[in-house]
Amino acid sequence: MPILVRVWGGAIRAALAVLCVALLCAAPAVTEPYAVKGVKVQASGLKPELARAKAVADGEMAAFNRLVRRMTLPEDHVRLPKPDAEAVRAIVRNFSIENETGQGERYAATVTYRFDGDAVRAMLEGAGVPFVDSQSPPVVVLPVWTENGKAYLWDDPNPWREAWMRLEPEDSLMDFVRARGDLADLKAIAAAEAVPTNKVALNRIADQYKAGLVAIAVSTVDKGKRRITVHLVDLANGRATAIGVFATGDDAAALDKAAAQIARAIETSWKRSAVAVEQNAVTVRMRAPIQGLDHWIRIRQALQTMPQVRGLTTVSMSPGEALIELRFAGTTAELRRQLEQRGFTVAPEGPSRPTGAPPAGTPPAGPETWALTAPSVPPVKQTDLPPPPGTPGDKPPEKAPEKAPEKAPAPAPAQKTDPAKKP
């Protein structure tokens, strides 16, 4: 059972963020993008408590370095921020300890550190290093093994699939799915169908696991040497990316090493695409009819729970409509698809300026504007907003009839107190 050791003010904010209310759409699963698990620490000291404090303090820097490397691309690791120990300690929200052992002056444990996300992002932005701080969509890996001219995926023998089943990625943002290989999987896709161009079959297997990515890793033998060719298919846009060709042996140890190497290569490719999307995030202005303050709060919370939303600004508010600007790390087509999946109705209105050729010197058009209609929801308590002044049909509130002032009650007669008797 992990022991929660220290909680800062940021932990309170995180706990509030985890508390979910009923929204217009289902919220995605909550992850800990700023937690680093399984940090091994050990130290010696004159007293057990001193050894423990030193070990935990030393682990903070190691955890921070693992975190920022996980969030960034390999080519940017030389530019990562290098804060001192005190700066790192200041952004640790809390930590929990497992497998704690102490023998005399020596202490060892496994620690999970949780960092303040705002502070980590500020450090990376200050260093000019692009980063990704969200987990990938679920990715299904299709490990195809060829032997004597025959391809195997779900059938035996497939030592390549067994290697993927043994894989335990560490410090990874990739949500690798362990395909069951059951009858439903066999019906969804066969070994011969596991090719990047077969979008129908890939969508079938992805639907089995609610996945957004499919990795195809085909092992073949060329001139007596086994090689694995890997492609990553993003089903949201149908784009297939060639990850590379990897040499490996046939024994279990070599295949385990190849699976770990390919998993890192898949993650790097996905992060590179995600960084590009973050740097080219789109901003869309939306008009949302509202039925009161409670209704508006539900709409806003539903939008903010979308994993690729990077900012939501309220431009204006009236009793019947909210005008907002949404910054989304993706394309407008992907934003519209995700909104419709959550039950919203979207009707693009065009750029936020009059149509026609603008005169010389006119600033560029503002963000595209959409009419956004929320899905139907159970009746909610309406908050009556006062109508704007001068609205036709408004009647001044009727005054309550004045009551005659009540007479003050007559003072009670003073009670007679007998003087105290002398003993």
Protein backbone atom coordinates (compact mmCIF):
# COMPACT_ATOMS: atom_id res chain seq x y z
CA MET A 1 0.00 0.00 0.00
CA PRO A 2 1.69 3.25 -1.03
CA ILE A 3 2.24 5.84 1.69
CA LEU A 4 1.38 9.42 0.77
CA VAL A 5 4.19 11.42 2.25
CA ARG A 6 3.79 15.05 1.31
CA VAL A 7 0.96 17.11 -0.11
CA TRP A 8 1.35 20.67 -1.40
CA GLY A 9 -1.33 23.18 -2.30
CA GLY A 10 -1.25 21.95 -5.90
CA ALA A 11 -2.57 18.59 -4.74
CA ILE A 12 -5.78 20.28 -3.64
CA ARG A 13 -6.22 21.75 -7.11
CA ALA A 14 -5.57 18.33 -8.65
CA ALA A 15 -8.10 16.68 -6.37
CA LEU A 16 -10.73 19.23 -7.36
CA ALA A 17 -9.99 18.61 -11.02
CA VAL A 18 -10.59 14.90 -10.56
CA LEU A 19 -14.04 15.45 -9.08
CA CYS A 20 -16.41 14.91 -12.00
CA VAL A 21 -19.94 16.16 -12.40
CA ALA A 22 -22.57 14.98 -14.84
CA LEU A 23 -21.64 16.56 -18.16
CA LEU A 24 -23.14 16.55 -21.60
CA CYS A 25 -20.67 13.90 -22.70
CA ALA A 26 -18.61 11.15 -21.17
CA ALA A 27 -15.26 12.41 -19.88
CA PRO A 28 -12.11 10.59 -20.92
CA ALA A 29 -10.26 8.43 -18.47
CA VAL A 30 -8.15 10.44 -16.06
CA THR A 31 -4.40 9.84 -16.35
CA GLU A 32 -1.40 11.20 -14.48
CA PRO A 33 0.77 12.80 -17.15
CA TYR A 34 2.95 14.48 -14.53
CA ALA A 35 3.57 11.41 -12.35
CA VAL A 36 6.78 9.37 -12.53
CA LYS A 37 6.46 5.89 -11.08
CA GLY A 38 8.95 3.26 -10.02
CA VAL A 39 11.88 5.54 -9.11
CA LYS A 40 14.45 3.47 -7.18
CA VAL A 41 16.10 5.43 -4.37
CA GLN A 42 18.70 4.52 -1.77
CA ALA A 43 21.00 6.39 0.61
CA SER A 44 22.93 6.08 3.86
CA GLY A 45 22.86 8.37 6.87
CA LEU A 46 23.84 8.60 10.50
CA LYS A 47 20.19 8.09 11.41
CA PRO A 48 17.45 6.17 9.53
CA GLU A 49 15.34 9.31 9.09
CA LEU A 50 18.30 11.19 7.60
CA ALA A 51 18.99 8.36 5.14
CA ARG A 52 15.34 8.32 4.17
CA ALA A 53 15.19 12.08 3.59
CA LYS A 54 18.36 12.03 1.49
CA ALA A 55 17.15 9.13 -0.65
CA VAL A 56 13.81 10.79 -1.37
CA ALA A 57 15.48 14.13 -2.15
CA ASP A 58 17.95 12.48 -4.55
CA GLY A 59 15.07 10.75 -6.33
CA GLU A 60 13.33 14.07 -7.08
CA MET A 61 15.93 15.10 -9.66
CA ALA A 62 15.98 11.66 -11.27
CA ALA A 63 12.17 11.70 -11.54
CA PHE A 64 12.16 15.20 -13.05
CA ASN A 65 14.67 14.19 -15.71
CA ARG A 66 12.62 11.11 -16.60
CA LEU A 67 9.48 13.23 -16.84
CA VAL A 68 10.81 15.91 -19.20
CA ARG A 69 12.52 13.32 -21.41
CA ARG A 70 9.25 11.41 -21.67
CA MET A 71 7.41 14.58 -22.75
CA THR A 72 9.92 15.66 -25.41
CA LEU A 73 11.57 14.43 -28.61
CA PRO A 74 15.02 12.75 -28.48
CA GLU A 75 16.59 15.47 -30.63
CA ASP A 76 15.53 18.11 -28.08
CA HIS A 77 16.97 16.39 -25.00
CA VAL A 78 20.19 18.41 -25.19
CA ARG A 79 18.11 21.60 -24.74
CA LEU A 80 16.10 20.45 -21.74
CA PRO A 81 16.01 22.79 -18.70
CA LYS A 82 18.48 22.00 -15.91
CA PRO A 83 17.01 23.41 -12.68
CA ASP A 84 18.85 22.98 -9.40
CA ALA A 85 17.67 20.67 -6.64
CA GLU A 86 15.75 23.39 -4.79
CA ALA A 87 13.82 24.40 -7.93
CA VAL A 88 12.87 20.78 -8.57
CA ARG A 89 11.82 20.26 -4.95
CA ALA A 90 9.56 23.30 -5.19
CA ILE A 91 7.51 21.78 -8.04
CA VAL A 92 7.02 18.32 -6.49
CA ARG A 93 3.36 18.22 -5.47
CA ASN A 94 3.64 15.02 -3.48
CA PHE A 95 5.24 11.59 -3.49
CA SER A 96 4.28 8.12 -2.34
CA ILE A 97 6.56 5.32 -1.17
CA GLU A 98 6.41 1.58 -1.81
CA ASN A 99 8.76 -1.31 -0.96
CA GLU A 100 10.43 0.64 1.81
CA THR A 101 13.37 -1.13 3.50
CA GLY A 102 15.88 0.06 6.08
CA GLN A 103 18.85 -1.75 7.58
CA GLY A 104 20.80 0.27 10.07
CA GLU A 105 22.03 3.42 8.37
CA ARG A 106 20.99 2.28 4.89
CA TYR A 107 17.61 3.04 3.31
CA ALA A 108 16.02 1.94 0.01
CA ALA A 109 12.56 2.33 -1.52
CA THR A 110 10.53 2.68 -4.70
CA VAL A 111 8.94 6.12 -5.01
CA THR A 112 6.27 7.73 -7.22
CA TYR A 113 6.71 11.49 -7.65
CA ARG A 114 3.93 13.83 -8.83
CA PHE A 115 4.89 17.22 -10.24
CA ASP A 116 3.05 20.51 -10.69
CA GLY A 117 2.08 20.46 -14.37
CA ASP A 118 1.90 24.24 -14.74
CA ALA A 119 5.43 24.63 -13.41
CA VAL A 120 6.86 21.89 -15.65
CA ARG A 121 5.20 23.37 -18.73
CA ALA A 122 6.54 26.81 -17.85
CA MET A 123 10.09 25.41 -17.62
CA LEU A 124 9.87 23.70 -21.01
CA GLU A 125 8.29 26.73 -22.66
CA GLY A 126 10.97 28.95 -21.16
CA ALA A 127 13.64 26.71 -22.68
CA GLY A 128 11.87 26.77 -26.05
CA VAL A 129 11.42 22.97 -26.08
CA PRO A 130 8.21 21.59 -27.65
CA PHE A 131 6.50 18.90 -25.61
CA VAL A 132 3.51 16.57 -25.34
CA ASP A 133 1.78 16.13 -21.98
CA SER A 134 -1.12 13.84 -22.86
CA GLN A 135 -1.35 10.12 -23.42
CA SER A 136 -1.76 8.79 -26.94
CA PRO A 137 -5.02 7.29 -28.16
CA PRO A 138 -5.12 3.52 -27.59
CA VAL A 139 -2.89 1.78 -30.14
CA VAL A 140 -3.40 -1.82 -31.28
CA VAL A 141 -0.22 -3.61 -32.37
CA LEU A 142 -0.55 -6.27 -35.07
CA PRO A 143 2.64 -8.43 -34.84
CA VAL A 144 2.69 -10.55 -38.02
CA TRP A 145 5.20 -13.44 -38.12
CA THR A 146 6.17 -15.13 -41.37
CA GLU A 147 7.66 -18.61 -41.46
CA ASN A 148 8.22 -20.78 -44.56
CA GLY A 149 6.16 -18.45 -46.70
CA LYS A 150 3.16 -18.43 -44.35
CA ALA A 151 2.01 -15.43 -42.27
CA TYR A 152 0.74 -15.81 -38.71
CA LEU A 153 -1.07 -13.24 -36.59
CA TRP A 154 -3.43 -14.87 -34.11
CA ASP A 155 -2.45 -18.48 -34.80
CA ASP A 156 0.58 -20.37 -33.48
CA PRO A 157 3.47 -20.32 -33.86
CA ASN A 158 3.91 -16.57 -33.43
CA PRO A 159 6.85 -15.84 -31.13
CA TRP A 160 6.72 -12.21 -32.30
CA ARG A 161 3.25 -11.74 -30.79
CA GLU A 162 4.42 -13.44 -27.60
CA ALA A 163 7.20 -10.86 -27.33
CA TRP A 164 4.65 -8.05 -27.50
CA MET A 165 2.55 -9.73 -24.85
CA ARG A 166 5.59 -9.70 -22.54
CA LEU A 167 6.42 -6.04 -23.21
CA GLU A 168 6.02 -3.63 -20.27
CA PRO A 169 6.82 -0.11 -21.56
CA GLU A 170 8.20 2.30 -18.97
CA ASP A 171 7.96 6.10 -19.01
CA SER A 172 5.82 5.93 -22.13
CA LEU A 173 2.96 8.13 -23.29
CA MET A 174 1.76 5.35 -25.61
CA ASP A 175 -1.36 3.49 -24.56
CA PHE A 176 -0.46 0.09 -26.01
CA VAL A 177 -3.41 -2.32 -26.11
CA ARG A 178 -2.91 -6.03 -25.48
CA ALA A 179 -5.01 -7.68 -28.17
CA ARG A 180 -6.73 -10.78 -26.82
CA GLY A 181 -6.51 -12.85 -29.99
CA ASP A 182 -9.99 -14.24 -29.39
CA LEU A 183 -12.66 -15.16 -31.91
CA ALA A 184 -13.74 -11.54 -32.32
CA ASP A 185 -10.16 -10.54 -33.24
CA LEU A 186 -9.89 -13.42 -35.72
CA LYS A 187 -13.07 -12.23 -37.40
CA ALA A 188 -11.93 -8.60 -37.43
CA ILE A 189 -8.63 -9.03 -39.26
CA ALA A 190 -6.43 -11.81 -40.65
CA ALA A 191 -2.66 -11.81 -41.14
CA ALA A 192 -3.00 -11.18 -44.88
CA GLU A 193 -5.23 -8.14 -44.21
CA ALA A 194 -2.73 -6.45 -41.88
CA VAL A 195 -1.45 -3.91 -44.39
CA PRO A 196 -1.49 -0.08 -44.07
CA THR A 197 -3.79 0.35 -47.07
CA ASN A 198 -6.57 -1.93 -45.78
CA LYS A 199 -8.47 0.73 -43.85
CA VAL A 200 -11.64 -1.39 -43.58
CA ALA A 201 -9.93 -4.25 -41.76
CA LEU A 202 -7.85 -1.89 -39.61
CA ASN A 203 -10.99 -0.05 -38.51
CA ARG A 204 -12.62 -3.36 -37.59
CA ILE A 205 -9.83 -4.34 -35.22
CA ALA A 206 -9.58 -0.80 -33.86
CA ASP A 207 -13.29 -0.84 -33.05
CA GLN A 208 -12.69 -3.92 -30.89
CA TYR A 209 -10.54 -1.85 -28.52
CA LYS A 210 -11.81 1.73 -29.11
CA ALA A 211 -8.36 2.47 -30.55
CA GLY A 212 -7.31 5.47 -32.61
CA LEU A 213 -3.99 4.05 -33.84
CA VAL A 214 -2.92 0.72 -35.33
CA ALA A 215 0.74 -0.34 -35.52
CA ILE A 216 1.55 -3.03 -38.10
CA ALA A 217 4.84 -4.84 -37.36
CA VAL A 218 5.54 -7.50 -40.01
CA SER A 219 8.46 -9.84 -39.41
CA THR A 220 10.00 -11.38 -42.55
CA VAL A 221 13.21 -13.18 -43.50
CA ASP A 222 15.40 -11.59 -46.17
CA LYS A 223 18.65 -13.29 -47.23
CA GLY A 224 18.71 -15.37 -44.08
CA LYS A 225 18.21 -12.37 -41.78
CA ARG A 226 15.00 -11.56 -39.96
CA ARG A 227 13.74 -8.00 -40.32
CA ILE A 228 10.65 -6.24 -39.00
CA THR A 229 8.91 -3.55 -41.05
CA VAL A 230 6.72 -1.20 -39.01
CA HIS A 231 3.96 1.23 -40.02
CA LEU A 232 1.74 3.36 -37.76
CA VAL A 233 -1.75 4.16 -39.07
CA ASP A 234 -3.71 7.09 -37.63
CA LEU A 235 -7.32 6.15 -38.19
CA ALA A 236 -8.62 9.68 -37.54
CA ASN A 237 -7.12 10.95 -40.78
CA GLY A 238 -6.23 7.66 -42.52
CA ARG A 239 -2.53 8.59 -42.64
CA ALA A 240 0.07 5.79 -42.53
CA THR A 241 3.60 6.59 -41.34
CA ALA A 242 6.57 4.32 -42.04
CA ILE A 243 8.36 3.84 -38.71
CA GLY A 244 11.33 1.88 -40.09
CA VAL A 245 12.89 -1.54 -40.66
CA PHE A 246 14.51 -3.28 -37.68
CA ALA A 247 16.88 -6.26 -37.66
CA THR A 248 16.39 -8.95 -35.04
CA GLY A 249 17.06 -12.57 -34.21
CA ASP A 250 14.59 -15.41 -33.77
CA ASP A 251 15.13 -16.20 -30.09
CA ALA A 252 12.92 -14.77 -27.35
CA ALA A 253 15.57 -12.39 -25.96
CA ALA A 254 16.19 -10.82 -29.38
CA LEU A 255 12.48 -10.44 -30.04
CA ASP A 256 11.91 -8.88 -26.61
CA LYS A 257 14.65 -6.35 -27.37
CA ALA A 258 13.14 -5.63 -30.78
CA ALA A 259 9.68 -5.09 -29.29
CA ALA A 260 11.05 -2.56 -26.78
CA GLN A 261 13.03 -0.76 -29.52
CA ILE A 262 10.03 -0.61 -31.83
CA ALA A 263 7.74 0.60 -29.03
CA ARG A 264 10.11 3.54 -28.46
CA ALA A 265 10.23 4.26 -32.19
CA ILE A 266 6.41 4.22 -32.40
CA GLU A 267 6.20 6.63 -29.46
CA THR A 268 8.77 9.00 -31.01
CA SER A 269 6.86 9.05 -34.28
CA TRP A 270 3.57 9.74 -32.53
CA LYS A 271 5.11 12.48 -30.35
CA ARG A 272 6.60 14.14 -33.43
CA SER A 273 3.15 14.27 -35.03
CA ALA A 274 1.58 15.44 -31.77
CA VAL A 275 4.16 18.24 -31.39
CA ALA A 276 3.46 19.40 -34.94
CA VAL A 277 -0.26 19.45 -34.18
CA GLU A 278 0.32 21.40 -30.94
CA GLN A 279 2.40 24.00 -32.76
CA ASN A 280 -0.32 24.41 -35.39
CA ALA A 281 -3.35 24.38 -33.08
CA VAL A 282 -6.48 25.93 -34.56
CA THR A 283 -8.74 28.53 -32.95
CA VAL A 284 -12.46 28.45 -33.67
CA ARG A 285 -15.09 30.93 -32.47
CA MET A 286 -18.40 29.34 -31.45
CA ARG A 287 -21.89 30.69 -30.74
CA ALA A 288 -23.70 28.47 -28.25
CA PRO A 289 -27.37 29.02 -27.33
CA ILE A 290 -27.79 28.69 -23.57
CA GLN A 291 -30.79 28.27 -21.29
CA GLY A 292 -29.30 29.73 -18.17
CA LEU A 293 -26.13 29.76 -16.14
CA ASP A 294 -26.30 26.09 -15.12
CA HIS A 295 -26.75 25.07 -18.76
CA TRP A 296 -23.76 27.18 -19.80
CA ILE A 297 -21.57 25.65 -17.08
CA ARG A 298 -22.40 22.16 -18.37
CA ILE A 299 -21.50 23.12 -21.94
CA ARG A 300 -18.21 24.69 -20.89
CA GLN A 301 -17.24 21.71 -18.75
CA ALA A 302 -18.06 19.32 -21.58
CA LEU A 303 -15.79 21.25 -23.96
CA GLN A 304 -12.95 21.54 -21.45
CA THR A 305 -12.86 17.76 -20.89
CA MET A 306 -11.97 17.15 -24.55
CA PRO A 307 -8.34 15.97 -24.41
CA GLN A 308 -7.09 18.14 -27.30
CA VAL A 309 -8.64 21.40 -26.09
CA ARG A 310 -5.85 23.79 -25.14
CA GLY A 311 -7.86 26.83 -24.17
CA LEU A 312 -11.41 28.18 -23.86
CA THR A 313 -12.07 31.93 -23.71
CA THR A 314 -15.48 33.54 -23.20
CA VAL A 315 -15.69 36.45 -25.65
CA SER A 316 -19.16 37.65 -24.64
CA MET A 317 -22.22 36.47 -22.78
CA SER A 318 -25.91 37.33 -23.06
CA PRO A 319 -29.00 35.75 -21.45
CA GLY A 320 -29.51 33.45 -24.45
CA GLU A 321 -26.09 32.96 -26.03
CA ALA A 322 -22.42 32.51 -25.20
CA LEU A 323 -19.70 33.47 -27.67
CA ILE A 324 -16.46 31.59 -27.03
CA GLU A 325 -13.09 30.93 -28.66
CA LEU A 326 -11.76 27.38 -28.50
CA ARG A 327 -8.09 26.53 -29.14
CA PHE A 328 -7.79 22.93 -30.34
CA ALA A 329 -4.63 20.89 -30.96
CA GLY A 330 -5.74 19.35 -34.24
CA THR A 331 -7.53 20.14 -37.46
CA THR A 332 -10.96 21.74 -37.71
CA ALA A 333 -12.25 18.51 -39.27
CA GLU A 334 -11.05 16.53 -36.26
CA LEU A 335 -12.57 19.09 -33.87
CA ARG A 336 -15.91 18.88 -35.64
CA ARG A 337 -15.81 15.07 -35.59
CA GLN A 338 -15.08 14.98 -31.86
CA LEU A 339 -17.87 17.46 -31.11
CA GLU A 340 -20.38 15.44 -33.11
CA GLN A 341 -19.28 12.25 -31.35
CA ARG A 342 -20.21 13.98 -28.09
CA GLY A 343 -23.66 14.90 -29.35
CA PHE A 344 -23.05 18.52 -30.36
CA THR A 345 -24.44 19.93 -33.62
CA VAL A 346 -22.03 22.13 -35.59
CA ALA A 347 -22.91 24.59 -38.38
CA PRO A 348 -19.92 26.59 -39.71
CA GLU A 349 -20.70 30.25 -40.35
CA GLY A 350 -17.38 31.22 -41.96
CA PRO A 351 -14.67 33.71 -40.93
CA SER A 352 -15.59 36.36 -38.42
CA ARG A 353 -15.67 39.31 -40.87
CA PRO A 354 -17.97 40.43 -43.69
CA THR A 355 -17.70 38.54 -46.94
CA GLY A 356 -16.29 40.11 -50.07
CA ALA A 357 -12.86 41.33 -51.06
CA PRO A 358 -11.39 43.35 -48.19
CA PRO A 359 -9.96 46.78 -48.99
CA ALA A 360 -6.23 47.33 -48.91
CA GLY A 361 -4.79 47.41 -45.43
CA THR A 362 -7.62 45.33 -43.93
CA PRO A 363 -6.32 43.03 -41.18
CA PRO A 364 -6.66 39.29 -41.81
CA ALA A 365 -9.90 37.53 -41.00
CA GLY A 366 -10.53 36.37 -37.48
CA PRO A 367 -11.07 32.76 -36.48
CA GLU A 368 -13.72 30.72 -38.21
CA THR A 369 -17.11 30.95 -36.51
CA TRP A 370 -19.40 27.99 -35.84
CA ALA A 371 -22.92 27.74 -34.47
CA LEU A 372 -22.73 25.15 -31.71
CA THR A 373 -25.85 23.46 -30.37
CA ALA A 374 -25.51 21.30 -27.28
CA PRO A 375 -27.16 17.87 -27.11
CA SER A 376 -30.41 17.52 -25.23
CA VAL A 377 -29.93 17.09 -21.52
CA PRO A 378 -32.24 16.32 -18.60
CA PRO A 379 -33.95 19.42 -17.22
CA VAL A 380 -31.61 21.45 -15.11
CA LYS A 381 -32.31 24.15 -12.60
CA GLN A 382 -32.50 27.36 -14.58
CA THR A 383 -30.83 30.51 -13.36
CA ASP A 384 -33.01 33.49 -14.18
CA LEU A 385 -30.92 36.18 -15.76
CA PRO A 386 -32.34 39.72 -15.68
CA PRO A 387 -33.62 40.87 -19.09
CA PRO A 388 -31.79 43.76 -20.70
CA PRO A 389 -33.25 47.19 -19.96
CA GLY A 390 -36.04 48.33 -22.28
CA THR A 391 -37.14 44.83 -23.33
CA PRO A 392 -40.75 45.08 -24.70
CA GLY A 393 -43.34 43.51 -22.49
CA ASP A 394 -41.31 43.85 -19.35
CA LYS A 395 -43.39 44.89 -16.38
CA PRO A 396 -41.95 46.50 -13.34
CA PRO A 397 -42.18 44.25 -10.32
CA GLU A 398 -45.27 44.86 -8.24
CA LYS A 399 -44.70 46.36 -4.85
CA ALA A 400 -45.79 44.36 -1.87
CA PRO A 401 -48.57 46.09 0.17
CA GLU A 402 -47.17 48.14 2.96
CA LYS A 403 -47.90 46.93 6.44
CA ALA A 404 -48.69 49.19 9.35
CA PRO A 405 -45.78 49.41 11.72
CA GLU A 406 -46.24 47.15 14.66
CA LYS A 407 -46.36 48.67 18.11
CA ALA A 408 -43.48 47.94 20.34
CA PRO A 409 -44.48 45.68 23.24
CA ALA A 410 -44.93 47.40 26.57
CA PRO A 411 -41.98 46.92 28.87
CA ALA A 412 -42.47 44.26 31.49
CA PRO A 413 -42.89 45.54 35.05
CA ALA A 414 -39.71 45.54 37.00
CA GLN A 415 -39.38 42.64 39.39
CA LYS A 416 -38.85 43.43 43.01
CA THR A 417 -35.71 42.05 44.45
CA ASP A 418 -35.49 41.48 48.18
CA PRO A 419 -32.31 42.77 49.77
CA ALA A 420 -29.87 40.16 50.81
CA LYS A 421 -30.13 39.16 54.45
CA LYS A 422 -27.13 39.40 56.70
CA PRO A 423 -26.02 36.17 58.22
